[in-house]
Amino acid sequence: MFFIIHLLINILIVGLFLYSKLLPYEDRLTGQYKQTFNFFKGIFKPVLSLFSGIKPFQVGTGLSVDMTQILLLIILLVLNYFY
């Protein structure tokens, strides 16, 4: 049972990475890649909207980092460590 939970968390971590990298190019995806992206989008979009009150972190002039995805990654990594 713990193996399955551990595996699902690892899949979500990889999915979060792909989601964050492909989000700007969502309209260019085709076929199976679009289906996979939409699957992870269906998971992450509602979860990330829960953290929508967190402001982006300013890292330079006109450059900021979306902290919601980083916070979700930290949560998944902590869950991965304890399972």
C-alpha atoms as a PDB file:
ATOM      1  CA  MET A   1       0.000   0.000   0.000  1.00  0.00           C
ATOM      2  CA  PHE A   2       2.793   2.418   0.906  1.00  0.00           C
ATOM      3  CA  PHE A   3       4.515   1.602  -2.382  1.00  0.00           C
ATOM      4  CA  ILE A   4       1.432   2.655  -4.349  1.00  0.00           C
ATOM      5  CA  ILE A   5       1.127   5.941  -2.424  1.00  0.00           C
ATOM      6  CA  HIS A   6       4.845   6.587  -2.894  1.00  0.00           C
ATOM      7  CA  LEU A   7       4.531   5.868  -6.617  1.00  0.00           C
ATOM      8  CA  LEU A   8       1.505   8.174  -7.000  1.00  0.00           C
ATOM      9  CA  ILE A   9       3.300  11.016  -5.236  1.00  0.00           C
ATOM     10  CA  ASN A  10       6.312  10.582  -7.524  1.00  0.00           C
ATOM     11  CA  ILE A  11       4.043  10.634 -10.575  1.00  0.00           C
ATOM     12  CA  LEU A  12       2.456  13.852  -9.299  1.00  0.00           C
ATOM     13  CA  ILE A  13       5.891  15.431  -8.833  1.00  0.00           C
ATOM     14  CA  VAL A  14       6.863  14.605 -12.418  1.00  0.00           C
ATOM     15  CA  GLY A  15       3.436  15.760 -13.593  1.00  0.00           C
ATOM     16  CA  LEU A  16       3.848  19.073 -11.775  1.00  0.00           C
ATOM     17  CA  PHE A  17       7.184  19.596 -13.496  1.00  0.00           C
ATOM     18  CA  LEU A  18       5.693  18.855 -16.920  1.00  0.00           C
ATOM     19  CA  TYR A  19       2.654  21.012 -16.179  1.00  0.00           C
ATOM     20  CA  SER A  20       4.797  23.993 -15.222  1.00  0.00           C
ATOM     21  CA  LYS A  21       7.045  23.628 -18.282  1.00  0.00           C
ATOM     22  CA  LEU A  22       4.270  23.042 -20.841  1.00  0.00           C
ATOM     23  CA  LEU A  23       1.697  25.550 -19.552  1.00  0.00           C
ATOM     24  CA  PRO A  24       2.930  28.389 -21.819  1.00  0.00           C
ATOM     25  CA  TYR A  25       2.744  26.062 -24.851  1.00  0.00           C
ATOM     26  CA  GLU A  26      -0.619  24.457 -24.063  1.00  0.00           C
ATOM     27  CA  ASP A  27      -2.199  25.558 -27.346  1.00  0.00           C
ATOM     28  CA  ARG A  28       0.562  23.866 -29.403  1.00  0.00           C
ATOM     29  CA  LEU A  29       0.226  20.398 -27.873  1.00  0.00           C
ATOM     30  CA  THR A  30      -1.340  17.629 -29.947  1.00  0.00           C
ATOM     31  CA  GLY A  31      -2.620  14.094 -29.517  1.00  0.00           C
ATOM     32  CA  GLN A  32      -1.527  12.043 -26.547  1.00  0.00           C
ATOM     33  CA  TYR A  33       0.619  14.874 -25.164  1.00  0.00           C
ATOM     34  CA  LYS A  34      -2.408  17.170 -24.991  1.00  0.00           C
ATOM     35  CA  GLN A  35      -4.419  14.444 -23.233  1.00  0.00           C
ATOM     36  CA  THR A  36      -1.665  13.900 -20.684  1.00  0.00           C
ATOM     37  CA  PHE A  37      -1.301  17.647 -20.131  1.00  0.00           C
ATOM     38  CA  ASN A  38      -5.079  18.035 -19.691  1.00  0.00           C
ATOM     39  CA  PHE A  39      -5.072  15.180 -17.168  1.00  0.00           C
ATOM     40  CA  PHE A  40      -2.455  16.903 -15.011  1.00  0.00           C
ATOM     41  CA  LYS A  41      -4.095  20.289 -15.586  1.00  0.00           C
ATOM     42  CA  GLY A  42      -7.325  18.863 -14.189  1.00  0.00           C
ATOM     43  CA  ILE A  43      -5.444  17.829 -11.063  1.00  0.00           C
ATOM     44  CA  PHE A  44      -3.192  20.832 -10.525  1.00  0.00           C
ATOM     45  CA  LYS A  45      -5.354  23.771 -11.569  1.00  0.00           C
ATOM     46  CA  PRO A  46      -7.893  23.364  -8.704  1.00  0.00           C
ATOM     47  CA  VAL A  47      -5.134  22.618  -6.181  1.00  0.00           C
ATOM     48  CA  LEU A  48      -3.037  25.606  -7.260  1.00  0.00           C
ATOM     49  CA  SER A  49      -6.104  27.861  -7.097  1.00  0.00           C
ATOM     50  CA  LEU A  50      -6.268  27.100  -3.351  1.00  0.00           C
ATOM     51  CA  PHE A  51      -2.903  28.860  -2.999  1.00  0.00           C
ATOM     52  CA  SER A  52      -3.866  31.783  -5.239  1.00  0.00           C
ATOM     53  CA  GLY A  53      -3.437  34.281  -2.388  1.00  0.00           C
ATOM     54  CA  ILE A  54       0.332  33.798  -2.401  1.00  0.00           C
ATOM     55  CA  LYS A  55       2.078  36.617  -4.237  1.00  0.00           C
ATOM     56  CA  PRO A  56       4.871  35.891  -6.732  1.00  0.00           C
ATOM     57  CA  PHE A  57       8.369  36.298  -5.295  1.00  0.00           C
ATOM     58  CA  GLN A  58      10.374  39.110  -6.911  1.00  0.00           C
ATOM     59  CA  VAL A  59      13.800  37.814  -7.985  1.00  0.00           C
ATOM     60  CA  GLY A  60      14.862  40.666 -10.236  1.00  0.00           C
ATOM     61  CA  THR A  61      13.724  43.726 -12.144  1.00  0.00           C
ATOM     62  CA  GLY A  62      10.465  42.721 -13.772  1.00  0.00           C
ATOM     63  CA  LEU A  63      11.118  39.064 -12.922  1.00  0.00           C
ATOM     64  CA  SER A  64       9.195  37.042 -10.377  1.00  0.00           C
ATOM     65  CA  VAL A  65       8.661  33.379  -9.504  1.00  0.00           C
ATOM     66  CA  ASP A  66       5.228  31.798  -9.006  1.00  0.00           C
ATOM     67  CA  MET A  67       5.427  30.460  -5.461  1.00  0.00           C
ATOM     68  CA  THR A  68       2.245  28.352  -5.650  1.00  0.00           C
ATOM     69  CA  GLN A  69       3.937  25.644  -7.718  1.00  0.00           C
ATOM     70  CA  ILE A  70       6.977  25.661  -5.450  1.00  0.00           C
ATOM     71  CA  LEU A  71       4.763  25.354  -2.370  1.00  0.00           C
ATOM     72  CA  LEU A  72       2.908  22.418  -3.925  1.00  0.00           C
ATOM     73  CA  LEU A  73       6.248  20.801  -4.814  1.00  0.00           C
ATOM     74  CA  ILE A  74       7.439  21.168  -1.211  1.00  0.00           C
ATOM     75  CA  ILE A  75       4.213  19.592   0.063  1.00  0.00           C
ATOM     76  CA  LEU A  76       4.589  16.663  -2.338  1.00  0.00           C
ATOM     77  CA  LEU A  77       8.240  16.191  -1.378  1.00  0.00           C
ATOM     78  CA  VAL A  78       7.372  16.162   2.338  1.00  0.00           C
ATOM     79  CA  LEU A  79       4.594  13.627   1.695  1.00  0.00           C
ATOM     80  CA  ASN A  80       7.039  11.577  -0.352  1.00  0.00           C
ATOM     81  CA  TYR A  81       9.532  11.591   2.520  1.00  0.00           C
ATOM     82  CA  PHE A  82       7.009  10.409   5.107  1.00  0.00           C
ATOM     83  CA  TYR A  83       5.494   7.666   2.947  1.00  0.00           C
END
